[in-house]
């Protein structure tokens, strides 16, 4: 009886070792998306602070935050140019 429990525990640990990388990938994706949102929010906040004197403000919402976070400074410039052209 004790051997069966030990074998079941070893099989569970082995399965966890095999499935570990597959379970970490979605967490890694969530971490990257969250960091892009934070970076984008900070970049947009700073650019709005600096460009508000010129009358140019970019809306801070999830789409613009993700765009600014992924593309970083060129993304903020792109958003500012699009805001200037279309609004």
N, C-alpha and C. Protein backbone atom coordinates (compact mmCIF):
# COMPACT_ATOMS: atom_id res chain seq x y z
N UNK A 1 0.82 -1.19 0.00
CA UNK A 1 0.00 0.00 0.00
C UNK A 1 0.86 1.25 0.00
N UNK A 2 1.93 1.27 0.78
CA UNK A 2 2.80 2.44 0.84
C UNK A 2 3.56 2.64 -0.46
N UNK A 3 3.89 1.54 -1.14
CA UNK A 3 4.59 1.64 -2.40
C UNK A 3 3.69 2.27 -3.47
N UNK A 4 2.41 1.94 -3.41
CA UNK A 4 1.48 2.51 -4.39
C UNK A 4 1.38 4.02 -4.22
N UNK A 5 1.33 4.48 -2.98
CA UNK A 5 1.26 5.92 -2.72
C UNK A 5 2.54 6.61 -3.18
N UNK A 6 3.69 5.97 -2.92
CA UNK A 6 4.97 6.54 -3.34
C UNK A 6 5.04 6.60 -4.87
N UNK A 7 4.59 5.56 -5.55
CA UNK A 7 4.61 5.56 -7.01
C UNK A 7 3.65 6.60 -7.58
N UNK A 8 2.50 6.76 -6.96
CA UNK A 8 1.54 7.77 -7.42
C UNK A 8 2.13 9.17 -7.24
N UNK A 9 2.81 9.40 -6.12
CA UNK A 9 3.45 10.70 -5.88
C UNK A 9 4.56 10.96 -6.89
N UNK A 10 5.37 9.94 -7.17
CA UNK A 10 6.44 10.09 -8.16
C UNK A 10 5.87 10.35 -9.55
N UNK A 11 4.80 9.64 -9.90
CA UNK A 11 4.17 9.86 -11.20
C UNK A 11 3.60 11.28 -11.28
N UNK A 12 3.02 11.76 -10.19
CA UNK A 12 2.50 13.12 -10.16
C UNK A 12 3.60 14.16 -10.32
N UNK A 13 4.73 13.95 -9.64
CA UNK A 13 5.86 14.87 -9.77
C UNK A 13 6.44 14.83 -11.18
N UNK A 14 6.52 13.64 -11.76
CA UNK A 14 7.02 13.51 -13.12
C UNK A 14 6.09 14.22 -14.11
N UNK A 15 4.78 14.06 -13.90
CA UNK A 15 3.82 14.75 -14.75
C UNK A 15 3.91 16.26 -14.60
N UNK A 16 4.15 16.72 -13.39
CA UNK A 16 4.32 18.15 -13.15
C UNK A 16 5.57 18.68 -13.83
N UNK A 17 6.64 17.88 -13.82
CA UNK A 17 7.86 18.28 -14.52
C UNK A 17 7.63 18.37 -16.02
N UNK A 18 6.85 17.44 -16.55
CA UNK A 18 6.58 17.47 -17.99
C UNK A 18 5.65 18.63 -18.37
N UNK A 19 4.69 18.94 -17.53
CA UNK A 19 3.71 19.97 -17.84
C UNK A 19 4.13 21.37 -17.39
N UNK A 20 5.19 21.48 -16.62
CA UNK A 20 5.63 22.76 -16.08
C UNK A 20 5.85 23.84 -17.13
N UNK A 21 6.64 23.55 -18.17
CA UNK A 21 6.85 24.60 -19.19
C UNK A 21 5.57 25.03 -19.89
N UNK A 22 4.64 24.10 -20.08
CA UNK A 22 3.38 24.46 -20.73
C UNK A 22 2.51 25.32 -19.83
N UNK A 23 2.65 25.15 -18.53
CA UNK A 23 1.86 25.95 -17.60
C UNK A 23 2.48 27.33 -17.39
N UNK A 24 3.78 27.47 -17.62
CA UNK A 24 4.44 28.75 -17.41
C UNK A 24 4.29 29.69 -18.59
N UNK A 25 4.09 29.16 -19.80
CA UNK A 25 3.96 30.03 -20.97
C UNK A 25 2.80 31.01 -20.86
N UNK A 26 1.59 30.58 -20.48
CA UNK A 26 0.52 31.57 -20.35
C UNK A 26 0.81 32.62 -19.28
N UNK A 27 1.45 32.22 -18.19
CA UNK A 27 1.81 33.20 -17.16
C UNK A 27 2.82 34.20 -17.68
N UNK A 28 3.74 33.74 -18.51
CA UNK A 28 4.73 34.62 -19.11
C UNK A 28 4.04 35.63 -20.04
N UNK A 29 3.05 35.16 -20.79
CA UNK A 29 2.31 36.05 -21.68
C UNK A 29 1.55 37.10 -20.88
N UNK A 30 0.92 36.70 -19.80
CA UNK A 30 0.19 37.65 -18.95
C UNK A 30 1.16 38.66 -18.35
N UNK A 31 2.33 38.21 -17.93
CA UNK A 31 3.34 39.12 -17.37
C UNK A 31 3.78 40.14 -18.42
N UNK A 32 4.04 39.69 -19.65
CA UNK A 32 4.47 40.61 -20.70
C UNK A 32 3.37 41.62 -21.04
N UNK A 33 2.14 41.16 -21.15
CA UNK A 33 1.04 42.08 -21.43
C UNK A 33 0.88 43.11 -20.32
N UNK A 34 0.98 42.66 -19.08
CA UNK A 34 0.85 43.59 -17.95
C UNK A 34 1.99 44.61 -17.97
N UNK A 35 3.20 44.16 -18.28
CA UNK A 35 4.32 45.11 -18.32
C UNK A 35 4.16 46.08 -19.48
N UNK A 36 3.63 45.62 -20.63
CA UNK A 36 3.37 46.53 -21.75
C UNK A 36 2.33 47.58 -21.37
N UNK A 37 1.29 47.17 -20.65
CA UNK A 37 0.27 48.13 -20.21
C UNK A 37 0.87 49.17 -19.28
N UNK A 38 1.70 48.75 -18.35
CA UNK A 38 2.29 49.69 -17.40
C UNK A 38 3.24 50.64 -18.12
N UNK A 39 4.10 50.10 -18.97
CA UNK A 39 5.05 50.94 -19.71
C UNK A 39 4.30 51.93 -20.60
N UNK A 40 3.27 51.44 -21.29
CA UNK A 40 2.47 52.32 -22.15
C UNK A 40 1.77 53.41 -21.37
N UNK A 41 1.23 53.06 -20.21
CA UNK A 41 0.57 54.06 -19.38
C UNK A 41 1.53 55.14 -18.91
N UNK A 42 2.71 54.74 -18.50
CA UNK A 42 3.71 55.71 -18.05
C UNK A 42 4.14 56.60 -19.21
N UNK A 43 4.40 55.99 -20.38
CA UNK A 43 4.81 56.79 -21.54
C UNK A 43 3.72 57.78 -21.95
N UNK A 44 2.48 57.33 -21.95
CA UNK A 44 1.39 58.23 -22.32
C UNK A 44 1.20 59.34 -21.30
N UNK A 45 1.34 59.01 -20.03
CA UNK A 45 1.20 60.03 -18.99
C UNK A 45 2.29 61.09 -19.14
N UNK A 46 3.53 60.66 -19.35
CA UNK A 46 4.65 61.60 -19.50
C UNK A 46 4.47 62.42 -20.77
N UNK A 47 4.09 61.78 -21.88
CA UNK A 47 3.92 62.53 -23.12
C UNK A 47 2.75 63.51 -23.02
N UNK A 48 1.67 63.13 -22.34
CA UNK A 48 0.57 64.07 -22.14
C UNK A 48 1.00 65.25 -21.28
N UNK A 49 1.82 64.98 -20.28
CA UNK A 49 2.32 66.05 -19.43
C UNK A 49 3.20 67.02 -20.23
N UNK A 50 4.06 66.47 -21.08
CA UNK A 50 4.98 67.31 -21.84
C UNK A 50 4.30 68.01 -23.01
N UNK A 51 3.36 67.34 -23.67
CA UNK A 51 2.73 67.90 -24.86
C UNK A 51 1.47 68.70 -24.57
N UNK A 52 1.02 68.72 -23.32
CA UNK A 52 -0.21 69.45 -23.01
C UNK A 52 -0.04 70.95 -23.21
N UNK A 53 1.18 71.44 -23.07
CA UNK A 53 1.43 72.86 -23.29
C UNK A 53 1.26 73.23 -24.76
N UNK A 54 1.48 72.26 -25.65
CA UNK A 54 1.29 72.50 -27.08
C UNK A 54 -0.14 72.21 -27.50
N UNK A 55 -0.97 71.78 -26.57
CA UNK A 55 -2.37 71.50 -26.88
C UNK A 55 -2.59 70.12 -27.49
N UNK A 56 -1.63 69.24 -27.38
CA UNK A 56 -1.74 67.89 -27.96
C UNK A 56 -1.80 66.87 -26.83
N UNK A 57 -2.92 66.18 -26.73
CA UNK A 57 -3.10 65.16 -25.70
C UNK A 57 -3.57 63.88 -26.37
N UNK A 58 -3.06 62.75 -25.88
CA UNK A 58 -3.46 61.44 -26.38
C UNK A 58 -4.27 60.77 -25.29
N UNK A 59 -5.40 60.18 -25.67
CA UNK A 59 -6.26 59.51 -24.70
C UNK A 59 -5.53 58.30 -24.10
N UNK A 60 -5.76 58.09 -22.83
CA UNK A 60 -5.17 56.94 -22.15
C UNK A 60 -6.27 55.90 -21.96
N UNK A 61 -6.23 54.87 -22.79
CA UNK A 61 -7.17 53.75 -22.69
C UNK A 61 -6.39 52.47 -22.99
N UNK A 62 -6.97 51.31 -22.82
CA UNK A 62 -6.20 50.07 -22.99
C UNK A 62 -5.56 49.91 -24.37
N UNK A 63 -6.24 50.35 -25.42
CA UNK A 63 -5.68 50.19 -26.76
C UNK A 63 -4.45 51.08 -26.94
N UNK A 64 -4.55 52.34 -26.53
CA UNK A 64 -3.41 53.24 -26.68
C UNK A 64 -2.27 52.84 -25.74
N UNK A 65 -2.63 52.35 -24.56
CA UNK A 65 -1.59 51.91 -23.63
C UNK A 65 -0.83 50.71 -24.19
N UNK A 66 -1.53 49.77 -24.80
CA UNK A 66 -0.87 48.60 -25.37
C UNK A 66 -0.04 48.99 -26.59
N UNK A 67 -0.56 49.91 -27.41
CA UNK A 67 0.20 50.39 -28.57
C UNK A 67 1.48 51.08 -28.12
N UNK A 68 1.37 51.96 -27.15
CA UNK A 68 2.54 52.68 -26.66
C UNK A 68 3.50 51.73 -25.93
N UNK A 69 2.97 50.73 -25.26
CA UNK A 69 3.83 49.80 -24.54
C UNK A 69 4.60 48.88 -25.46
N UNK A 70 3.95 48.41 -26.51
CA UNK A 70 4.63 47.50 -27.44
C UNK A 70 5.61 48.26 -28.31
N UNK A 71 5.18 49.40 -28.88
CA UNK A 71 6.05 50.15 -29.78
C UNK A 71 6.92 51.18 -29.07
N UNK A 72 6.61 51.48 -27.85
CA UNK A 72 7.31 52.42 -26.97
C UNK A 72 7.32 53.82 -27.56
N UNK A 73 8.45 54.50 -27.68
CA UNK A 73 8.46 55.91 -28.10
C UNK A 73 7.90 56.08 -29.52
N UNK A 74 8.27 55.23 -30.50
CA UNK A 74 7.62 55.38 -31.81
C UNK A 74 6.10 55.21 -31.75
N UNK A 75 5.62 54.37 -30.85
CA UNK A 75 4.18 54.20 -30.69
C UNK A 75 3.52 55.45 -30.17
N UNK A 76 4.16 56.13 -29.23
CA UNK A 76 3.62 57.39 -28.70
C UNK A 76 3.61 58.44 -29.79
N UNK A 77 4.67 58.50 -30.58
CA UNK A 77 4.73 59.45 -31.69
C UNK A 77 3.63 59.14 -32.71
N UNK A 78 3.45 57.85 -33.01
CA UNK A 78 2.38 57.44 -33.93
C UNK A 78 1.02 57.86 -33.42
N UNK A 79 0.76 57.63 -32.15
CA UNK A 79 -0.53 58.01 -31.57
C UNK A 79 -0.73 59.52 -31.59
N UNK A 80 0.33 60.27 -31.33
CA UNK A 80 0.22 61.74 -31.35
C UNK A 80 -0.04 62.24 -32.76
N UNK A 81 0.63 61.65 -33.74
CA UNK A 81 0.42 62.06 -35.14
C UNK A 81 -0.99 61.70 -35.59
N UNK A 82 -1.45 60.50 -35.25
CA UNK A 82 -2.82 60.11 -35.61
C UNK A 82 -3.85 61.00 -34.94
N UNK A 83 -3.59 61.36 -33.70
CA UNK A 83 -4.51 62.27 -32.98
C UNK A 83 -4.55 63.63 -33.67
N UNK A 84 -3.37 64.11 -34.09
CA UNK A 84 -3.29 65.41 -34.75
C UNK A 84 -3.98 65.38 -36.12
N UNK A 85 -3.84 64.29 -36.85
CA UNK A 85 -4.42 64.20 -38.20
C UNK A 85 -5.93 64.02 -38.15
N UNK A 86 -6.40 63.10 -37.32
CA UNK A 86 -7.81 62.73 -37.38
C UNK A 86 -8.72 63.48 -36.42
N UNK A 87 -8.18 64.20 -35.47
CA UNK A 87 -9.05 64.90 -34.52
C UNK A 87 -8.84 66.38 -34.62
